[in-house]
């Protein structure tokens, strides 16, 4: 019985002949082999950026989110981010996302921004939610509410409700810390809502309105960058 050789791509009669064929061709030393992706450094590659944008759009995120951190990503970090986004994109494809009309929280939603609500009990004592209007993707030009589910506070958000004139329509009937945080925010006055924004800004060093990095102490203290502070005045 002929055995196809992985070295010369031809067929040999016995395993010994295959072994001998391999012995005639010396393999490159490990130090001579190309570096693996995980060993590479440098800025994000064009194919990675393109694939990331595709995954983010499928998962309900947008290119705007990517632009915030694209300068901070190297090849390794981009590869790790792709690994994390693949299951989210797959889940989004499987699910038919849409608001449950029987599960609506009536009231006025706060302005677009990111808020951290701190609860009084010890278990799951806080939740971070973002009111947001994406410019592209499945929810383009619609106000959505998202919750923070991972450590990257510019990317790890998942959409779980749509905002309308009447209130917020959630995709699931199941209560969660995130939906409870939205309920609190919609029942609070402007000062309490701003305080939740300040909590997010102090913990992340990012503007709670636009998400940009804050570097000046006074901006971190008020939770807003100069431009957003002028608009809020």
Protein backbone atom coordinates (compact mmCIF):
# COMPACT_ATOMS: atom_id res chain seq x y z
CA UNK A 1 0.00 0.00 0.00
CA UNK A 2 1.46 3.35 -1.04
CA UNK A 3 2.03 5.97 1.63
CA UNK A 4 1.84 9.63 0.64
CA UNK A 5 4.86 11.54 1.94
CA UNK A 6 4.32 14.92 3.56
CA UNK A 7 7.86 15.96 2.69
CA UNK A 8 8.17 15.33 -1.07
CA UNK A 9 4.41 14.96 -1.71
CA UNK A 10 5.07 11.66 -3.53
CA UNK A 11 4.12 8.11 -2.57
CA UNK A 12 6.45 5.59 -0.88
CA UNK A 13 6.06 1.86 -0.37
CA UNK A 14 6.98 1.67 3.33
CA UNK A 15 7.18 3.93 6.44
CA UNK A 16 10.96 3.49 6.37
CA UNK A 17 11.12 5.12 2.94
CA UNK A 18 9.03 8.05 4.24
CA UNK A 19 11.37 8.41 7.22
CA UNK A 20 14.39 8.33 4.94
CA UNK A 21 12.85 11.02 2.74
CA UNK A 22 12.40 13.31 5.72
CA UNK A 23 15.97 12.60 6.86
CA UNK A 24 17.30 13.90 3.53
CA UNK A 25 15.71 17.33 4.10
CA UNK A 26 16.85 19.14 7.21
CA UNK A 27 14.10 21.22 8.87
CA UNK A 28 14.91 24.84 9.85
CA UNK A 29 15.93 25.47 13.42
CA UNK A 30 13.33 27.06 15.69
CA UNK A 31 15.27 30.33 15.70
CA UNK A 32 15.09 30.39 11.87
CA UNK A 33 11.34 29.97 11.69
CA UNK A 34 9.01 32.96 11.25
CA UNK A 35 7.77 34.45 14.50
CA UNK A 36 4.26 33.42 15.52
CA UNK A 37 1.54 36.05 15.59
CA UNK A 38 1.61 36.06 19.40
CA UNK A 39 5.35 36.92 19.29
CA UNK A 40 4.98 39.80 16.86
CA UNK A 41 4.88 43.41 17.98
CA UNK A 42 3.85 46.59 16.26
CA UNK A 43 0.66 48.33 15.28
CA UNK A 44 -2.49 46.52 14.27
CA UNK A 45 -2.36 45.11 10.75
CA UNK A 46 -4.81 46.06 7.98
CA UNK A 47 -6.37 42.54 7.78
CA UNK A 48 -6.84 42.50 11.57
CA UNK A 49 -8.46 45.94 11.53
CA UNK A 50 -10.81 44.88 8.73
CA UNK A 51 -11.75 41.64 10.50
CA UNK A 52 -12.22 43.46 13.81
CA UNK A 53 -14.59 45.95 12.19
CA UNK A 54 -16.61 43.08 10.69
CA UNK A 55 -16.82 41.24 14.03
CA UNK A 56 -17.73 44.40 15.93
CA UNK A 57 -20.51 45.25 13.51
CA UNK A 58 -21.95 41.74 13.76
CA UNK A 59 -21.72 41.83 17.57
CA UNK A 60 -23.57 45.14 17.69
CA UNK A 61 -20.50 47.37 18.10
CA UNK A 62 -19.26 49.96 15.62
CA UNK A 63 -16.12 51.31 14.01
CA UNK A 64 -16.36 54.31 16.36
CA UNK A 65 -15.59 52.00 19.27
CA UNK A 66 -12.56 50.63 17.44
CA UNK A 67 -11.19 54.09 16.67
CA UNK A 68 -11.03 54.90 20.39
CA UNK A 69 -8.47 52.16 21.10
CA UNK A 70 -6.97 51.34 17.70
CA UNK A 71 -3.82 53.33 18.50
CA UNK A 72 -3.37 51.33 21.70
CA UNK A 73 -3.56 47.91 19.99
CA UNK A 74 -0.56 45.92 18.83
CA UNK A 75 -0.74 42.66 16.88
CA UNK A 76 -0.99 40.50 20.00
CA UNK A 77 -3.71 42.61 21.66
CA UNK A 78 -5.67 42.77 18.42
CA UNK A 79 -5.48 38.98 18.11
CA UNK A 80 -6.75 38.58 21.69
CA UNK A 81 -9.60 41.00 21.03
CA UNK A 82 -10.60 39.06 17.91
CA UNK A 83 -10.67 35.85 19.98
CA UNK A 84 -13.03 37.50 22.49
CA UNK A 85 -15.30 38.95 19.81
CA UNK A 86 -15.78 35.78 17.76
CA UNK A 87 -18.23 34.10 20.20
CA UNK A 88 -20.14 37.36 20.65
CA UNK A 89 -20.54 37.77 16.90
CA UNK A 90 -21.60 34.13 16.56
CA UNK A 91 -24.21 34.56 19.29
CA UNK A 92 -25.56 37.72 17.65
CA UNK A 93 -25.99 35.83 14.39
CA UNK A 94 -27.87 33.01 16.11
CA UNK A 95 -30.23 35.25 17.97
CA UNK A 96 -32.98 37.26 16.41
CA UNK A 97 -32.42 40.46 18.35
CA UNK A 98 -35.43 42.65 18.92
CA UNK A 99 -37.21 44.37 21.80
CA UNK A 100 -39.84 42.49 23.76
CA UNK A 101 -42.77 44.87 23.51
CA UNK A 102 -44.28 43.46 26.69
CA UNK A 103 -41.09 44.34 28.62
CA UNK A 104 -40.94 48.15 28.50
CA UNK A 105 -39.64 50.45 31.20
CA UNK A 106 -41.60 53.68 30.87
CA UNK A 107 -39.98 57.01 31.58
CA UNK A 108 -37.34 59.45 30.35
CA UNK A 109 -33.93 57.96 29.60
CA UNK A 110 -30.85 60.00 30.57
CA UNK A 111 -28.70 61.70 27.91
CA UNK A 112 -26.26 59.60 25.91
CA UNK A 113 -23.28 58.70 28.04
CA UNK A 114 -21.83 56.01 30.30
CA UNK A 115 -22.96 55.67 33.91
CA UNK A 116 -21.88 53.50 36.82
CA UNK A 117 -24.60 52.83 39.37
CA UNK A 118 -23.41 51.68 42.80
CA UNK A 119 -25.85 49.51 44.76
CA UNK A 120 -26.05 49.30 48.55
CA UNK A 121 -25.68 45.52 48.89
CA UNK A 122 -22.32 43.76 48.70
CA UNK A 123 -22.98 41.23 45.90
CA UNK A 124 -22.61 42.71 42.39
CA UNK A 125 -22.47 46.15 43.99
CA UNK A 126 -22.27 48.10 40.73
CA UNK A 127 -23.28 48.08 37.08
CA UNK A 128 -22.05 50.22 34.19
CA UNK A 129 -24.48 51.01 31.37
CA UNK A 130 -24.14 53.16 28.26
CA UNK A 131 -26.82 55.08 26.39
CA UNK A 132 -25.57 55.37 22.85
CA UNK A 133 -26.57 56.12 19.24
CA UNK A 134 -24.39 54.08 16.81
CA UNK A 135 -23.87 55.44 13.31
CA UNK A 136 -23.69 52.03 11.65
CA UNK A 137 -24.50 48.39 12.27
CA UNK A 138 -27.85 46.76 12.96
CA UNK A 139 -28.91 49.62 15.29
CA UNK A 140 -27.64 52.49 13.16
CA UNK A 141 -29.11 55.88 14.18
CA UNK A 142 -31.16 54.29 16.96
CA UNK A 143 -30.65 54.98 20.64
CA UNK A 144 -29.63 51.84 22.47
CA UNK A 145 -28.67 50.94 26.02
CA UNK A 146 -25.67 48.66 26.57
CA UNK A 147 -24.00 47.08 29.59
CA UNK A 148 -20.31 46.66 30.32
CA UNK A 149 -19.41 42.96 30.53
CA UNK A 150 -15.60 42.94 30.33
CA UNK A 151 -12.45 44.84 31.32
CA UNK A 152 -12.14 47.04 28.22
CA UNK A 153 -14.41 49.95 29.05
CA UNK A 154 -14.42 51.25 25.48
CA UNK A 155 -15.28 48.00 23.71
CA UNK A 156 -16.79 45.40 26.04
CA UNK A 157 -20.40 46.53 25.75
CA UNK A 158 -23.42 44.47 24.79
CA UNK A 159 -26.72 45.97 23.61
CA UNK A 160 -29.68 44.84 25.68
CA UNK A 161 -32.37 47.43 25.01
CA UNK A 162 -33.70 50.12 22.66
CA UNK A 163 -34.60 53.63 23.77
CA UNK A 164 -37.76 55.31 22.48
CA UNK A 165 -39.86 58.34 23.40
CA UNK A 166 -41.82 56.19 25.84
CA UNK A 167 -38.88 54.56 27.63
CA UNK A 168 -36.61 51.53 27.19
CA UNK A 169 -37.61 48.22 25.59
CA UNK A 170 -35.45 45.35 26.85
CA UNK A 171 -34.58 42.29 24.77
CA UNK A 172 -35.08 39.95 27.72
CA UNK A 173 -37.65 39.70 30.50
CA UNK A 174 -34.97 38.52 32.91
CA UNK A 175 -34.05 41.08 35.57
CA UNK A 176 -30.37 41.94 35.91
CA UNK A 177 -28.12 44.45 37.63
CA UNK A 178 -27.88 46.28 34.31
CA UNK A 179 -31.65 46.63 33.85
CA UNK A 180 -31.92 47.64 37.51
CA UNK A 181 -29.30 50.34 36.91
CA UNK A 182 -31.30 51.65 33.95
CA UNK A 183 -34.40 51.75 36.17
CA UNK A 184 -32.55 53.80 38.78
CA UNK A 185 -31.16 56.22 36.19
CA UNK A 186 -34.61 56.81 34.69
CA UNK A 187 -36.01 57.54 38.14
CA UNK A 188 -33.26 59.87 39.32
CA UNK A 189 -32.94 63.64 38.93
CA UNK A 190 -30.21 65.29 36.84
CA UNK A 191 -27.76 65.62 39.75
CA UNK A 192 -28.01 61.92 40.62
CA UNK A 193 -27.58 60.92 36.97
CA UNK A 194 -24.51 63.20 36.71
CA UNK A 195 -23.11 61.58 39.86
CA UNK A 196 -23.38 58.15 38.21
CA UNK A 197 -21.47 59.60 35.25
CA UNK A 198 -18.79 60.98 37.57
CA UNK A 199 -18.41 57.53 39.18
CA UNK A 200 -17.71 56.01 35.77
CA UNK A 201 -15.24 58.79 34.87
CA UNK A 202 -13.31 58.48 38.15
CA UNK A 203 -12.97 54.70 37.77
CA UNK A 204 -12.08 54.72 34.06
CA UNK A 205 -10.44 58.17 33.55
CA UNK A 206 -12.72 58.65 30.56
CA UNK A 207 -15.35 61.27 29.76
CA UNK A 208 -18.76 59.85 30.62
CA UNK A 209 -20.33 61.67 27.68
CA UNK A 210 -18.05 60.76 24.73
CA UNK A 211 -15.71 58.13 26.21
CA UNK A 212 -12.47 59.95 25.36
CA UNK A 213 -9.46 59.58 27.65
CA UNK A 214 -9.19 62.26 30.36
CA UNK A 215 -5.70 63.38 31.39
CA UNK A 216 -6.26 66.70 33.18
CA UNK A 217 -7.21 66.32 36.88
CA UNK A 218 -9.99 68.91 36.70
CA UNK A 219 -11.59 67.03 33.79
CA UNK A 220 -11.37 63.72 35.65
CA UNK A 221 -12.93 65.33 38.73
CA UNK A 222 -15.94 66.68 36.82
CA UNK A 223 -16.15 63.56 34.61
CA UNK A 224 -16.21 65.55 31.38
CA UNK A 225 -13.63 66.65 28.86
CA UNK A 226 -13.41 70.37 27.94
CA UNK A 227 -15.60 70.07 24.83
CA UNK A 228 -18.32 68.03 26.56
CA UNK A 229 -18.19 70.38 29.56
CA UNK A 230 -18.87 73.36 27.27
CA UNK A 231 -21.82 71.57 25.66
CA UNK A 232 -23.27 70.71 29.09
CA UNK A 233 -22.91 74.26 30.41
